[in-house]
Amino acid sequence: MAEPYYITTAISYPNGRPHIGHAYEAIAADVIARHRKAEGFDVRFQTGTDEHGLKMAQKARELGVTPAELATEMSGHFKDMCDTLNIDYDVFIRTTEPRHHAATQELWRRMEAAGDLYLDRYEGWYSVRDEAYYDESELVAGEGGEKLSPQGTPVEWTVEESWFFRLSRYQEPLLELYRTSEFIRPESRRNEVMRFVEGGLRDLSVSRTSFDWGVPVPGSDGHVMYVWVDALTNYLTGLGFPEEGGDVAKWWPADMHLIGKDIVRFHTVYWPAFLMSAGLPLPKQVFGHGFLLNRGQKESKSLGNVTDPLALADEFGVDTLRYFLLREVAFGQDGSYSPEAIVTRANAELANSFGNLAQRTLSMIFKNMGGELRTGHELTEADVALGDAVALGITGLRRAFLDLDFSDGLEAWMRAVFACNQYVDEQAPWTLRKTDPARMEAVLMTLLRCVRSLAIAVRPVVPQAIDKLLDQMGVLGDARDYAALSDSAWLETLVQDGFRIAQPVGVFPRLEMLEVGEAVSS
């Protein structure tokens, strides 16, 4: 029985259309999910939208629509993004769903039963944009001397009756969690959170009375839950919580919450404290990835450099975008992109290196062998060495991907691709065709085996292109996970079935630098 693996993205706040950061997180989570499936795990992948809170109410009022209408419209844009970018999620959760209200209220009741909720008066600094409260000591000065949150967002002094969560009670249990596990990754995020918690935790305001667009607090008229109690519970809602057994028993605790570094505190301080209070198991790991910078700059509407990820995918191709983002950026750190960088990386590695290798191999089999596949050739030392190099590269990719080190994993894969291209140049099958046809066949069948293995290995990153390639190679849809890599008889089976390589079609076309990027900003 396959081991379960449950991964989630953060749920996106839909008061605007998706930006490149949303796309980056969704793509990374999808690659993780597809990779774990290829490794043989039983995977559940959840994403969705976080639709309550003051920002949504304010935006709806500006547009002259109800918050529910705005939430439905904008949530649709995030689903469209996932569909366009080939994000193969299992559950898309919306926090306005009745089942989510029921789950969140049950979590609240359990925290209340633990004695961790009390009614008091809140006075302090609140950032509407972050949906977060900040201590005076955390604030920074803006250009005009105005007070800003640590994220640089405006804050306002807020006074209202509020329910409070006894967060201070969980300081030592949280520190123990950080010290004794890999709950927070990468290490830089763990160190930041530890410093914050070691500085002392104050009880947390967890309800609001100044607006009503949220989950009602059970038994407390006029109060809606603080958006982070509401939002974080989504990871349980999608499993059917509070029902016992079933999906909750199978999938919880989550293996991975993949989130942006700006919301690490909520997921690694508030969320585990809420779960401890409610007597529920904690997720195994929270990974806070970095930001994507546009030519080294953070995107903002004022700079006019906000990128529409769907336009980017339309201009360069979905698989190209997926590959670039995971290859270019050291996962966990900030990374930079530009249209020029996408074209350069895609042409060098996807088109010229692997794409050309696959195209040349299939074309030579089609032209020089009539597309017929053959086995039984005697292998030389060079053939065996190439097989070993490819196996080493694929092992490197798999090991690195398990550790979420995508850039290094793809580097290992590229080394195997380069080895194949060097082998082609050294063996020169176009010359062997005239001098030693049997040796030419052995070389082409060696290359066919290597191209198949390399294609299967990288399929989680570029699934659409690889499936088109594997279709041309006669590799069946159920033989494309990593278990298939150990099937040494696949070629013999194709030969017995009489499969022939047809005129191949390239799957990684070269990109041209024609007025690049004009279509990607909005």
Protein backbone atom coordinates (compact mmCIF):
# COMPACT_ATOMS: atom_id res chain seq x y z
CA MET A 1 0.00 0.00 0.00
CA ALA A 2 1.41 3.36 -1.06
CA GLU A 3 2.46 5.78 1.64
CA PRO A 4 0.19 8.88 1.78
CA TYR A 5 1.63 12.33 1.14
CA TYR A 6 -0.46 15.46 1.73
CA ILE A 7 0.77 18.78 0.36
CA THR A 8 -0.93 22.18 0.40
CA THR A 9 -0.22 25.63 -0.95
CA ALA A 10 -1.23 28.70 0.97
CA ILE A 11 -4.74 29.68 -0.03
CA SER A 12 -4.61 32.83 -2.14
CA TYR A 13 -6.28 36.06 -1.07
CA PRO A 14 -8.47 36.93 -4.07
CA ASN A 15 -8.86 40.70 -3.76
CA GLY A 16 -6.90 40.92 -7.03
CA ARG A 17 -6.05 38.66 -9.94
CA PRO A 18 -3.23 36.10 -9.66
CA HIS A 19 0.33 37.41 -9.94
CA ILE A 20 3.62 35.67 -10.66
CA GLY A 21 4.12 34.79 -6.98
CA HIS A 22 0.87 32.82 -6.92
CA ALA A 23 1.95 30.99 -10.08
CA TYR A 24 5.39 30.20 -8.67
CA GLU A 25 3.98 28.61 -5.52
CA ALA A 26 1.36 26.64 -7.44
CA ILE A 27 3.93 25.34 -9.94
CA ALA A 28 6.38 24.34 -7.21
CA ALA A 29 3.68 22.51 -5.26
CA ASP A 30 2.50 20.77 -8.41
CA VAL A 31 6.03 19.59 -9.20
CA ILE A 32 6.43 18.30 -5.64
CA ALA A 33 3.10 16.47 -5.91
CA ARG A 34 3.89 14.98 -9.32
CA HIS A 35 7.37 13.96 -8.17
CA ARG A 36 6.02 12.22 -5.07
CA LYS A 37 3.49 10.39 -7.26
CA ALA A 38 6.30 9.30 -9.57
CA GLU A 39 8.17 8.03 -6.49
CA GLY A 40 5.16 5.87 -5.63
CA PHE A 41 3.44 7.94 -2.93
CA ASP A 42 -0.33 8.24 -2.71
CA VAL A 43 -0.56 12.03 -3.04
CA ARG A 44 -3.24 14.53 -2.07
CA PHE A 45 -2.68 18.12 -3.23
CA GLN A 46 -4.85 20.99 -1.97
CA THR A 47 -5.00 24.65 -2.96
CA GLY A 48 -7.73 27.30 -2.89
CA THR A 49 -8.76 30.81 -1.95
CA ASP A 50 -9.00 32.70 1.37
CA GLU A 51 -12.12 34.80 0.87
CA HIS A 52 -13.00 36.49 4.16
CA GLY A 53 -11.61 39.54 5.95
CA LEU A 54 -11.69 43.30 5.90
CA LYS A 55 -9.73 43.65 2.63
CA MET A 56 -12.35 41.68 0.72
CA ALA A 57 -15.19 43.68 2.27
CA GLN A 58 -13.48 46.97 1.40
CA LYS A 59 -12.68 45.90 -2.18
CA ALA A 60 -16.26 44.76 -2.77
CA ARG A 61 -17.57 48.07 -1.49
CA GLU A 62 -15.24 49.94 -3.87
CA LEU A 63 -16.55 47.88 -6.81
CA GLY A 64 -20.20 48.14 -5.80
CA VAL A 65 -20.69 44.38 -5.41
CA THR A 66 -21.23 42.08 -2.45
CA PRO A 67 -18.20 40.36 -0.90
CA ALA A 68 -19.69 37.00 -1.92
CA GLU A 69 -19.97 38.10 -5.57
CA LEU A 70 -16.40 39.40 -5.55
CA ALA A 71 -15.12 36.19 -3.94
CA THR A 72 -16.82 33.98 -6.52
CA GLU A 73 -15.54 36.02 -9.45
CA MET A 74 -11.97 36.27 -8.21
CA SER A 75 -11.76 32.66 -7.06
CA GLY A 76 -12.58 31.75 -10.65
CA HIS A 77 -9.45 33.57 -11.83
CA PHE A 78 -7.30 31.46 -9.50
CA LYS A 79 -8.90 28.25 -10.77
CA ASP A 80 -8.22 29.44 -14.32
CA MET A 81 -4.58 30.03 -13.40
CA CYS A 82 -4.28 26.49 -12.06
CA ASP A 83 -5.89 25.03 -15.16
CA THR A 84 -3.68 27.06 -17.51
CA LEU A 85 -0.46 26.17 -15.68
CA ASN A 86 -1.35 22.46 -15.56
CA ILE A 87 -1.68 22.42 -11.77
CA ASP A 88 -3.08 18.97 -11.00
CA TYR A 89 -4.69 19.63 -7.61
CA ASP A 90 -7.09 17.22 -5.91
CA VAL A 91 -9.02 19.78 -3.85
CA PHE A 92 -9.68 23.48 -4.45
CA ILE A 93 -11.01 24.86 -1.17
CA ARG A 94 -12.94 28.11 -0.75
CA THR A 95 -13.29 29.49 2.77
CA THR A 96 -16.84 30.69 2.00
CA GLU A 97 -18.04 27.09 1.70
CA PRO A 98 -20.46 25.92 4.44
CA ARG A 99 -18.22 22.96 5.25
CA HIS A 100 -15.39 25.38 6.04
CA HIS A 101 -17.57 27.38 8.44
CA ALA A 102 -18.41 24.13 10.24
CA ALA A 103 -14.74 23.07 10.45
CA THR A 104 -13.52 26.45 11.69
CA GLN A 105 -16.22 26.73 14.33
CA GLU A 106 -15.37 23.25 15.59
CA LEU A 107 -11.69 24.20 15.91
CA TRP A 108 -12.79 27.32 17.84
CA ARG A 109 -14.91 25.23 20.22
CA ARG A 110 -11.99 22.93 20.94
CA MET A 111 -9.67 25.86 21.70
CA GLU A 112 -12.37 27.34 23.93
CA ALA A 113 -12.82 24.00 25.73
CA ALA A 114 -9.07 24.00 26.40
CA GLY A 115 -9.44 27.33 28.22
CA ASP A 116 -7.43 29.21 25.61
CA LEU A 117 -10.04 31.81 24.56
CA TYR A 118 -11.20 34.79 26.59
CA LEU A 119 -13.09 38.03 25.90
CA ASP A 120 -11.27 41.36 26.36
CA ARG A 121 -10.68 44.72 24.71
CA TYR A 122 -8.16 45.06 21.89
CA GLU A 123 -6.09 48.17 21.46
CA GLY A 124 -3.18 48.09 19.06
CA TRP A 125 -1.73 48.44 15.59
CA TYR A 126 -3.45 46.56 12.80
CA SER A 127 -2.48 46.22 9.13
CA VAL A 128 -5.50 45.75 6.88
CA ARG A 129 -3.28 44.62 4.00
CA ASP A 130 -1.52 41.94 6.07
CA GLU A 131 -4.62 41.08 8.12
CA ALA A 132 -2.19 41.12 11.04
CA TYR A 133 -1.64 42.78 14.42
CA TYR A 134 1.77 44.19 15.30
CA ASP A 135 3.45 45.24 18.50
CA GLU A 136 4.78 48.82 18.69
CA SER A 137 8.32 47.46 18.78
CA GLU A 138 7.85 45.76 15.39
CA LEU A 139 6.83 48.89 13.51
CA VAL A 140 9.14 50.75 11.15
CA ALA A 141 9.07 54.39 10.07
CA GLY A 142 7.89 55.28 6.56
CA GLU A 143 9.17 58.13 4.40
CA GLY A 144 6.92 60.72 6.06
CA GLY A 145 7.47 59.28 9.51
CA GLU A 146 4.22 57.30 9.38
CA LYS A 147 4.17 53.94 11.13
CA LEU A 148 4.46 50.85 8.95
CA SER A 149 4.38 47.12 9.61
CA PRO A 150 7.58 45.04 9.22
CA GLN A 151 6.29 44.29 5.69
CA GLY A 152 6.11 48.02 4.91
CA THR A 153 2.30 48.13 4.90
CA PRO A 154 0.24 50.88 6.57
CA VAL A 155 -1.06 50.22 10.09
CA GLU A 156 -3.90 51.85 11.98
CA TRP A 157 -4.67 52.09 15.68
CA THR A 158 -7.60 49.79 16.41
CA VAL A 159 -9.79 49.63 19.50
CA GLU A 160 -12.59 47.07 19.79
CA GLU A 161 -13.91 44.19 21.89
CA SER A 162 -12.20 40.99 20.90
CA TRP A 163 -11.76 37.37 21.77
CA PHE A 164 -8.16 36.54 22.62
CA PHE A 165 -6.20 33.31 22.21
CA ARG A 166 -3.68 32.46 24.95
CA LEU A 167 -0.72 32.34 22.58
CA SER A 168 1.66 33.16 25.44
CA ARG A 169 0.91 29.72 26.91
CA TYR A 170 2.57 28.03 23.93
CA GLN A 171 5.95 29.78 23.82
CA GLU A 172 7.97 26.89 25.27
CA PRO A 173 6.09 24.10 23.43
CA LEU A 174 6.71 25.96 20.16
CA LEU A 175 10.40 26.45 20.85
CA GLU A 176 10.71 22.76 21.71
CA LEU A 177 9.03 21.93 18.38
CA TYR A 178 11.52 24.05 16.46
CA ARG A 179 14.52 22.64 18.31
CA THR A 180 13.62 18.98 17.92
CA SER A 181 12.24 18.75 14.38
CA GLU A 182 12.46 20.06 10.82
CA PHE A 183 9.09 21.73 11.26
CA ILE A 184 10.32 24.94 9.59
CA ARG A 185 12.40 25.07 6.42
CA PRO A 186 14.64 26.48 5.13
CA GLU A 187 16.87 27.03 8.15
CA SER A 188 16.93 30.80 7.67
CA ARG A 189 13.15 30.93 8.24
CA ARG A 190 13.47 28.68 11.28
CA ASN A 191 16.04 30.99 12.82
CA GLU A 192 13.84 34.06 12.21
CA VAL A 193 10.82 32.41 13.82
CA MET A 194 12.82 31.16 16.80
CA ARG A 195 14.12 34.68 17.46
CA PHE A 196 10.59 36.04 17.30
CA VAL A 197 9.20 33.44 19.73
CA GLU A 198 12.17 33.70 22.09
CA GLY A 199 11.38 37.42 22.35
CA GLY A 200 8.11 36.53 24.08
CA LEU A 201 4.60 35.87 22.82
CA ARG A 202 1.59 38.03 23.62
CA ASP A 203 -1.94 36.70 23.55
CA LEU A 204 -3.50 37.06 20.12
CA SER A 205 -6.70 38.90 19.20
CA VAL A 206 -8.75 36.37 17.22
CA SER A 207 -12.08 38.08 16.53
CA ARG A 208 -13.36 41.34 15.07
CA THR A 209 -16.59 43.32 15.48
CA SER A 210 -15.85 46.15 13.00
CA PHE A 211 -16.97 44.07 9.99
CA ASP A 212 -19.10 40.97 9.46
CA TRP A 213 -17.53 39.31 6.40
CA GLY A 214 -16.14 36.21 8.08
CA VAL A 215 -16.96 33.06 10.02
CA PRO A 216 -19.22 33.90 12.99
CA VAL A 217 -17.78 33.13 16.41
CA PRO A 218 -19.93 30.40 18.01
CA GLY A 219 -22.16 31.83 20.75
CA SER A 220 -20.79 35.38 20.47
CA ASP A 221 -23.08 37.63 18.46
CA GLY A 222 -21.40 40.35 16.42
CA HIS A 223 -17.97 38.68 16.38
CA VAL A 224 -16.35 37.12 13.32
CA MET A 225 -13.14 35.17 13.51
CA TYR A 226 -9.77 36.74 12.87
CA VAL A 227 -8.93 35.80 9.32
CA TRP A 228 -5.96 33.60 10.24
CA VAL A 229 -8.02 31.25 12.43
CA ASP A 230 -10.41 31.01 9.51
CA ALA A 231 -7.80 30.70 6.76
CA LEU A 232 -5.47 28.20 8.40
CA THR A 233 -8.26 25.76 9.17
CA ASN A 234 -8.71 25.19 5.42
CA TYR A 235 -6.02 22.53 5.54
CA LEU A 236 -8.36 20.45 7.71
CA THR A 237 -11.61 21.45 5.99
CA GLY A 238 -10.53 19.83 2.74
CA LEU A 239 -10.16 16.51 4.56
CA GLY A 240 -13.69 16.55 5.98
CA PHE A 241 -12.82 17.74 9.50
CA PRO A 242 -14.40 17.48 12.06
CA GLU A 243 -15.58 14.04 10.93
CA GLU A 244 -13.47 11.32 12.50
CA GLY A 245 -11.65 8.73 10.43
CA GLY A 246 -11.81 8.74 6.64
CA ASP A 247 -9.68 11.35 4.91
CA VAL A 248 -8.67 13.04 8.17
CA ALA A 249 -7.27 9.79 9.54
CA LYS A 250 -5.52 8.97 6.26
CA TRP A 251 -3.99 12.33 5.36
CA TRP A 252 -3.56 14.37 8.56
CA PRO A 253 -1.08 15.58 9.64
CA ALA A 254 -0.06 17.29 6.41
CA ASP A 255 3.41 16.43 5.13
CA MET A 256 4.04 19.88 3.65
CA HIS A 257 2.53 23.35 3.86
CA LEU A 258 4.24 25.25 1.04
CA ILE A 259 3.92 29.01 1.60
CA GLY A 260 5.56 32.36 0.88
CA LYS A 261 8.12 33.65 3.35
CA ASP A 262 5.87 36.62 4.25
CA ILE A 263 3.33 34.37 6.00
CA VAL A 264 5.72 32.03 7.78
CA ARG A 265 4.86 33.46 11.21
CA PHE A 266 1.16 32.64 10.86
CA HIS A 267 1.89 29.06 9.82
CA THR A 268 4.69 28.29 12.26
CA VAL A 269 3.57 30.17 15.39
CA TYR A 270 -0.21 30.66 15.31
CA TRP A 271 -1.19 27.48 13.44
CA PRO A 272 0.71 24.94 15.57
CA ALA A 273 -0.45 26.76 18.72
CA PHE A 274 -4.09 26.53 17.58
CA LEU A 275 -3.64 22.83 16.83
CA MET A 276 -1.91 22.15 20.15
CA SER A 277 -4.80 23.86 21.91
CA ALA A 278 -7.37 21.84 19.95
CA GLY A 279 -5.54 18.58 20.65
CA LEU A 280 -4.76 17.90 17.00
CA PRO A 281 -1.51 16.61 15.44
CA LEU A 282 0.83 19.19 13.93
CA PRO A 283 1.82 19.29 10.26
CA LYS A 284 5.18 17.70 9.62
CA GLN A 285 6.76 20.65 7.82
CA VAL A 286 6.22 24.23 6.70
CA PHE A 287 8.44 25.42 3.86
CA GLY A 288 8.66 29.18 3.29
CA HIS A 289 9.81 29.86 -0.25
CA GLY A 290 11.29 33.16 -1.40
CA PHE A 291 9.94 35.92 -3.64
CA LEU A 292 10.26 36.21 -7.39
CA LEU A 293 11.81 39.51 -8.43
CA ASN A 294 11.22 41.13 -11.81
CA ARG A 295 14.71 41.95 -13.13
CA GLY A 296 15.85 42.10 -9.51
CA GLN A 297 13.00 44.33 -8.33
CA LYS A 298 9.99 43.39 -6.25
CA GLU A 299 6.84 43.77 -8.32
CA SER A 300 4.45 46.59 -7.50
CA LYS A 301 1.69 48.45 -9.27
CA SER A 302 3.44 51.77 -8.62
CA LEU A 303 6.52 50.55 -10.54
CA GLY A 304 4.34 49.21 -13.34
CA ASN A 305 6.17 45.87 -13.34
CA VAL A 306 3.40 43.52 -12.17
CA THR A 307 3.47 40.37 -14.31
CA ASP A 308 0.44 38.42 -15.47
CA PRO A 309 1.62 34.80 -15.20
CA LEU A 310 -0.91 33.61 -17.77
CA ALA A 311 0.43 36.06 -20.35
CA LEU A 312 3.95 34.87 -19.51
CA ALA A 313 2.88 31.25 -20.04
CA ASP A 314 1.13 32.17 -23.27
CA GLU A 315 4.23 33.91 -24.61
CA PHE A 316 6.82 31.28 -23.70
CA GLY A 317 4.82 28.10 -23.07
CA VAL A 318 3.59 26.54 -19.84
CA ASP A 319 6.29 23.88 -19.62
CA THR A 320 9.01 26.40 -20.41
CA LEU A 321 7.82 28.65 -17.59
CA ARG A 322 7.62 25.73 -15.15
CA TYR A 323 11.12 24.56 -16.01
CA PHE A 324 12.64 28.03 -15.83
CA LEU A 325 11.21 28.86 -12.41
CA LEU A 326 12.47 25.66 -10.81
CA ARG A 327 15.81 25.61 -12.63
CA GLU A 328 16.72 29.28 -12.23
CA VAL A 329 15.82 29.90 -8.59
CA ALA A 330 17.46 28.19 -5.60
CA PHE A 331 14.29 27.06 -3.86
CA GLY A 332 13.75 28.85 -0.57
CA GLN A 333 15.68 31.94 -1.66
CA ASP A 334 14.52 34.98 -3.60
CA GLY A 335 15.04 34.71 -7.33
CA SER A 336 14.93 36.99 -10.33
CA TYR A 337 13.42 36.49 -13.75
CA SER A 338 13.16 38.34 -17.02
CA PRO A 339 11.91 37.44 -20.48
CA GLU A 340 15.51 37.35 -21.71
CA ALA A 341 16.53 34.94 -18.95
CA ILE A 342 13.59 32.64 -19.75
CA VAL A 343 14.50 32.53 -23.44
CA THR A 344 18.20 31.98 -22.76
CA ARG A 345 17.64 29.14 -20.28
CA ALA A 346 14.91 27.45 -22.34
CA ASN A 347 16.89 27.53 -25.57
CA ALA A 348 20.14 26.34 -24.00
CA GLU A 349 18.71 23.44 -22.01
CA LEU A 350 15.26 22.45 -23.26
CA ALA A 351 15.56 23.18 -26.98
CA ASN A 352 19.26 22.84 -27.81
CA SER A 353 20.29 20.17 -25.30
CA PHE A 354 17.48 17.77 -24.40
CA GLY A 355 15.00 18.65 -27.14
CA ASN A 356 17.64 18.33 -29.83
CA LEU A 357 18.90 15.07 -28.33
CA ALA A 358 15.42 13.54 -28.41
CA GLN A 359 14.65 14.87 -31.88
CA ARG A 360 17.96 13.66 -33.37
CA THR A 361 17.60 10.23 -31.80
CA LEU A 362 14.07 9.63 -33.05
CA SER A 363 14.81 11.15 -36.46
CA MET A 364 17.84 8.92 -37.01
CA ILE A 365 15.82 5.83 -36.03
CA PHE A 366 13.05 6.91 -38.41
CA LYS A 367 15.36 7.72 -41.31
CA ASN A 368 18.08 5.09 -40.92
CA MET A 369 16.10 2.14 -39.53
CA GLY A 370 12.70 2.83 -41.05
CA GLY A 371 11.45 3.53 -37.51
CA GLU A 372 11.95 -0.13 -36.58
CA LEU A 373 13.24 -0.92 -33.08
CA ARG A 374 15.70 -3.75 -32.54
CA THR A 375 17.34 -5.46 -29.58
CA GLY A 376 20.17 -7.90 -28.98
CA HIS A 377 23.03 -5.60 -29.87
CA GLU A 378 26.37 -6.10 -28.15
CA LEU A 379 27.13 -3.15 -25.89
CA THR A 380 30.52 -1.48 -25.78
CA GLU A 381 32.25 0.16 -22.86
CA ALA A 382 31.03 3.56 -24.12
CA ASP A 383 27.39 2.37 -24.16
CA VAL A 384 27.62 1.07 -20.59
CA ALA A 385 29.35 4.24 -19.42
CA LEU A 386 26.58 6.38 -20.90
CA GLY A 387 23.93 4.29 -19.18
CA ASP A 388 25.76 4.75 -15.89
CA ALA A 389 26.02 8.53 -16.41
CA VAL A 390 22.30 8.81 -17.13
CA ALA A 391 21.42 6.68 -14.11
CA LEU A 392 23.66 8.87 -11.94
CA GLY A 393 22.00 12.06 -13.20
CA ILE A 394 18.53 10.69 -12.59
CA THR A 395 19.47 9.54 -9.09
CA GLY A 396 20.77 13.05 -8.44
CA LEU A 397 17.50 14.59 -9.64
CA ARG A 398 15.36 12.28 -7.52
CA ARG A 399 17.43 12.76 -4.38
CA ALA A 400 17.51 16.56 -4.78
CA PHE A 401 13.77 16.77 -5.50
CA LEU A 402 13.00 14.83 -2.32
CA ASP A 403 14.91 17.57 -0.50
CA LEU A 404 13.14 20.31 -2.54
CA ASP A 405 16.43 21.31 -4.15
CA PHE A 406 15.01 21.61 -7.66
CA SER A 407 17.78 23.66 -9.22
CA ASP A 408 20.48 21.18 -8.19
CA GLY A 409 18.30 18.27 -9.25
CA LEU A 410 17.84 19.72 -12.72
CA GLU A 411 21.57 20.44 -12.87
CA ALA A 412 22.25 16.74 -12.24
CA TRP A 413 19.74 15.87 -14.96
CA MET A 414 21.43 18.28 -17.38
CA ARG A 415 24.80 16.63 -16.77
CA ALA A 416 23.24 13.38 -17.98
CA VAL A 417 21.81 15.16 -21.03
CA PHE A 418 25.25 16.60 -21.83
CA ALA A 419 26.75 13.12 -21.53
CA CYS A 420 24.27 11.86 -24.12
CA ASN A 421 25.07 14.67 -26.52
CA GLN A 422 28.79 14.05 -26.13
CA TYR A 423 28.17 10.34 -26.84
CA VAL A 424 26.31 11.25 -30.04
CA ASP A 425 29.20 13.40 -31.23
CA GLU A 426 31.80 10.73 -30.37
CA GLN A 427 29.90 7.78 -31.83
CA ALA A 428 28.78 9.70 -34.97
CA PRO A 429 25.93 7.35 -35.99
CA TRP A 430 25.60 9.19 -39.32
CA THR A 431 29.07 7.90 -40.20
CA LEU A 432 28.42 4.43 -38.79
CA ARG A 433 25.45 4.13 -41.13
CA LYS A 434 27.93 3.69 -43.97
CA THR A 435 30.77 1.92 -42.18
CA ASP A 436 29.07 -0.29 -39.55
CA PRO A 437 25.24 -0.36 -39.69
CA ALA A 438 24.96 -2.85 -36.82
CA ARG A 439 26.98 -0.56 -34.56
CA MET A 440 24.81 2.38 -35.64
CA GLU A 441 21.73 0.47 -34.49
CA ALA A 442 23.36 -0.28 -31.14
CA VAL A 443 24.17 3.42 -30.67
CA LEU A 444 20.63 4.53 -31.58
CA MET A 445 19.00 1.97 -29.29
CA THR A 446 21.34 3.04 -26.46
CA LEU A 447 20.28 6.64 -27.05
CA LEU A 448 16.59 5.66 -27.18
CA ARG A 449 16.90 3.99 -23.78
CA CYS A 450 18.61 7.06 -22.32
CA VAL A 451 16.12 9.54 -23.79
CA ARG A 452 13.23 7.54 -22.33
CA SER A 453 14.83 7.49 -18.88
CA LEU A 454 15.66 11.21 -18.97
CA ALA A 455 12.13 12.02 -20.12
CA ILE A 456 10.49 10.05 -17.32
CA ALA A 457 12.82 11.66 -14.77
CA VAL A 458 11.93 15.24 -15.71
CA ARG A 459 8.24 14.62 -16.38
CA PRO A 460 7.04 16.17 -13.05
CA VAL A 461 8.46 19.51 -14.21
CA VAL A 462 7.39 19.55 -17.87
CA PRO A 463 4.57 17.00 -18.08
CA GLN A 464 2.82 18.13 -21.26
CA ALA A 465 5.93 18.15 -23.44
CA ILE A 466 7.26 14.90 -22.02
CA ASP A 467 3.95 13.11 -22.56
CA LYS A 468 4.03 14.20 -26.21
CA LEU A 469 7.57 12.83 -26.49
CA LEU A 470 6.78 9.54 -24.74
CA ASP A 471 3.72 9.10 -26.96
CA GLN A 472 6.05 9.22 -29.97
CA MET A 473 8.28 6.62 -28.32
CA GLY A 474 5.46 4.16 -27.65
CA VAL A 475 5.76 4.45 -23.86
CA LEU A 476 2.37 3.70 -22.35
CA GLY A 477 0.68 6.15 -19.98
CA ASP A 478 0.91 3.78 -17.03
CA ALA A 479 4.65 3.26 -17.56
CA ARG A 480 5.80 6.82 -16.93
CA ASP A 481 6.57 6.86 -13.21
CA TYR A 482 9.92 6.08 -11.64
CA ALA A 483 9.13 2.41 -11.16
CA ALA A 484 9.23 2.13 -14.96
CA LEU A 485 12.91 3.14 -14.92
CA SER A 486 13.83 -0.33 -13.66
CA ASP A 487 11.85 -2.10 -16.41
CA SER A 488 14.65 -3.41 -18.60
CA ALA A 489 12.25 -5.28 -20.89
CA TRP A 490 10.25 -2.30 -22.18
CA LEU A 491 12.18 -2.12 -25.46
CA GLU A 492 11.79 -5.84 -26.08
CA THR A 493 8.05 -5.45 -25.50
CA LEU A 494 7.85 -2.65 -28.08
CA VAL A 495 9.79 -4.78 -30.57
CA GLN A 496 7.46 -7.75 -30.00
CA ASP A 497 4.44 -5.48 -30.46
CA GLY A 498 5.85 -4.24 -33.76
CA PHE A 499 5.92 -0.59 -32.68
CA ARG A 500 7.70 1.78 -35.07
CA ILE A 501 8.97 5.32 -34.59
CA ALA A 502 7.12 7.69 -36.94
CA GLN A 503 8.42 11.00 -38.25
CA PRO A 504 9.10 12.78 -34.94
CA VAL A 505 7.74 16.16 -33.92
CA GLY A 506 9.87 18.35 -31.65
CA VAL A 507 8.44 19.11 -28.22
CA PHE A 508 10.77 21.94 -27.13
CA PRO A 509 10.89 24.55 -29.91
CA ARG A 510 13.47 27.32 -29.82
CA LEU A 511 12.18 30.66 -28.56
CA GLU A 512 12.88 33.91 -30.37
CA MET A 513 13.67 37.23 -28.70
CA LEU A 514 11.02 39.23 -30.53
CA GLU A 515 9.87 42.24 -28.53
CA VAL A 516 9.90 39.96 -25.55
CA GLY A 517 7.83 40.85 -22.52
CA GLU A 518 5.43 43.39 -23.98
CA ALA A 519 2.52 41.05 -23.39
CA VAL A 520 3.36 40.02 -19.85
CA SER A 521 2.83 43.17 -17.81
CA SER A 522 -0.55 44.30 -16.64
